[in-house]
Amino acid sequence: MRRDRRENERCLRPLRRIAPLLWLRAGARGRRIDTLPEQGWAVADTYGLLTDLDRAAEFCAAVEGTQGLKIAYVVTDDDRRFQSVARRLPAEVEPIRLYEAYLSNFRFSMGR
């Protein structure tokens, strides 16, 4: 289930606002992911971000190939799909779910 451009734009603003927090939680080292990745996922030095669950296999492979990665943020409201991705991640990578509804509410509560 790929996101359309409108859905990506809807989540973009709140992601920009919390990007520093995600980076800090992952150790505040290396590159920071500041925008929604066009391919549905991105991997930085210490964390990764998955926004398109249909690309989970590619994301998990990239996470596995990145030494020093500590956290994988997965954007979804679906518990089963989150668990499915979490099971595919290496044991040393902590999966953290970011609720799409939270990102939408964050945008709304910020008045934008």
Protein backbone atom coordinates (compact mmCIF):
# COMPACT_ATOMS: atom_id res chain seq x y z
CA MET A 1 0.00 0.00 0.00
CA ARG A 2 2.09 2.90 -1.30
CA ARG A 3 1.47 6.39 -0.07
CA ASP A 4 0.31 8.91 -2.59
CA ARG A 5 1.88 12.34 -2.83
CA ARG A 6 -0.86 13.98 -0.73
CA GLU A 7 -0.35 11.52 2.13
CA ASN A 8 3.40 12.12 2.06
CA GLU A 9 2.89 15.87 2.17
CA ARG A 10 0.48 15.45 5.09
CA CYS A 11 3.18 13.71 7.14
CA LEU A 12 6.12 15.81 5.91
CA ARG A 13 5.67 18.86 8.13
CA PRO A 14 5.36 16.95 11.42
CA LEU A 15 8.29 14.73 10.45
CA ARG A 16 10.47 17.80 9.92
CA ARG A 17 9.53 18.96 13.41
CA ILE A 18 10.32 15.68 15.15
CA ALA A 19 13.37 14.78 13.01
CA PRO A 20 15.78 16.26 15.57
CA LEU A 21 14.13 14.21 18.34
CA LEU A 22 14.44 10.98 16.35
CA TRP A 23 18.11 11.75 15.69
CA LEU A 24 18.72 12.55 19.38
CA ARG A 25 17.02 9.33 20.51
CA ALA A 26 19.32 7.39 18.17
CA GLY A 27 22.47 8.84 19.71
CA ALA A 28 22.82 12.27 18.03
CA ARG A 29 25.59 11.13 15.70
CA GLY A 30 25.96 11.23 11.95
CA ARG A 31 23.43 12.25 9.36
CA ARG A 32 19.86 13.22 10.27
CA ILE A 33 16.81 12.25 8.20
CA ASP A 34 14.90 15.53 7.77
CA THR A 35 12.48 14.69 4.97
CA LEU A 36 10.25 11.80 4.01
CA PRO A 37 12.25 9.44 1.86
CA GLU A 38 10.92 9.20 -1.71
CA GLN A 39 11.64 5.47 -1.89
CA GLY A 40 9.65 4.86 1.30
CA TRP A 41 12.61 4.38 3.62
CA ALA A 42 15.95 5.91 4.57
CA VAL A 43 18.91 4.78 6.62
CA ALA A 44 21.28 7.19 8.37
CA ASP A 45 24.32 6.37 10.51
CA THR A 46 22.53 5.32 13.69
CA TYR A 47 18.88 4.94 12.71
CA GLY A 48 16.49 4.20 9.89
CA LEU A 49 13.01 5.40 8.96
CA LEU A 50 10.43 3.27 7.16
CA THR A 51 7.39 5.15 5.84
CA ASP A 52 6.18 2.69 3.17
CA LEU A 53 5.61 -0.77 4.62
CA ASP A 54 5.52 -2.25 1.12
CA ARG A 55 9.24 -1.51 1.03
CA ALA A 56 9.99 -3.26 4.32
CA ALA A 57 12.17 -5.98 2.75
CA GLU A 58 14.45 -3.38 1.13
CA PHE A 59 14.55 -1.39 4.35
CA CYS A 60 15.44 -4.41 6.50
CA ALA A 61 18.22 -5.39 4.08
CA ALA A 62 19.66 -1.86 4.25
CA VAL A 63 19.43 -1.87 8.05
CA GLU A 64 21.25 -5.20 8.17
CA GLY A 65 24.02 -3.79 5.98
CA THR A 66 24.54 -0.68 8.11
CA GLN A 67 27.01 -1.11 10.94
CA GLY A 68 26.24 0.84 14.11
CA LEU A 69 22.54 1.31 13.40
CA LYS A 70 20.63 1.25 16.70
CA ILE A 71 17.00 2.17 15.98
CA ALA A 72 14.46 1.54 13.23
CA TYR A 73 11.49 3.92 13.25
CA VAL A 74 8.46 2.41 11.52
CA VAL A 75 5.55 4.70 10.61
CA THR A 76 2.28 2.76 10.88
CA ASP A 77 -0.92 2.46 12.87
CA ASP A 78 -1.17 -1.27 12.12
CA ASP A 79 0.16 -3.42 14.97
CA ARG A 80 0.47 -6.61 12.90
CA ARG A 81 2.46 -4.94 10.17
CA PHE A 82 4.72 -3.26 12.72
CA GLN A 83 5.38 -6.63 14.39
CA SER A 84 6.11 -8.19 11.02
CA VAL A 85 8.78 -5.57 10.28
CA ALA A 86 10.18 -5.76 13.82
CA ARG A 87 10.72 -9.53 13.48
CA ARG A 88 12.79 -9.02 10.32
CA LEU A 89 15.19 -6.54 11.91
CA PRO A 90 18.54 -7.60 13.37
CA ALA A 91 18.40 -8.31 17.13
CA GLU A 92 20.61 -5.33 17.98
CA VAL A 93 18.25 -2.86 16.27
CA GLU A 94 15.40 -1.50 18.40
CA PRO A 95 12.14 -1.12 16.47
CA ILE A 96 10.10 1.94 17.43
CA ARG A 97 6.66 2.60 16.02
CA LEU A 98 5.64 6.11 15.02
CA TYR A 99 1.89 6.25 14.71
CA GLU A 100 0.61 7.91 11.55
CA ALA A 101 -2.31 9.23 13.59
CA TYR A 102 0.15 10.88 15.98
CA LEU A 103 1.95 12.58 13.12
CA SER A 104 -1.37 13.85 11.77
CA ASN A 105 -2.48 15.03 15.21
CA PHE A 106 0.88 16.68 15.80
CA ARG A 107 0.38 18.64 12.58
CA PHE A 108 -3.15 19.59 13.60
CA SER A 109 -2.21 20.62 17.13
CA MET A 110 0.58 22.83 15.80
CA GLY A 111 -2.06 24.81 13.89
CA ARG A 112 -0.74 24.06 10.44
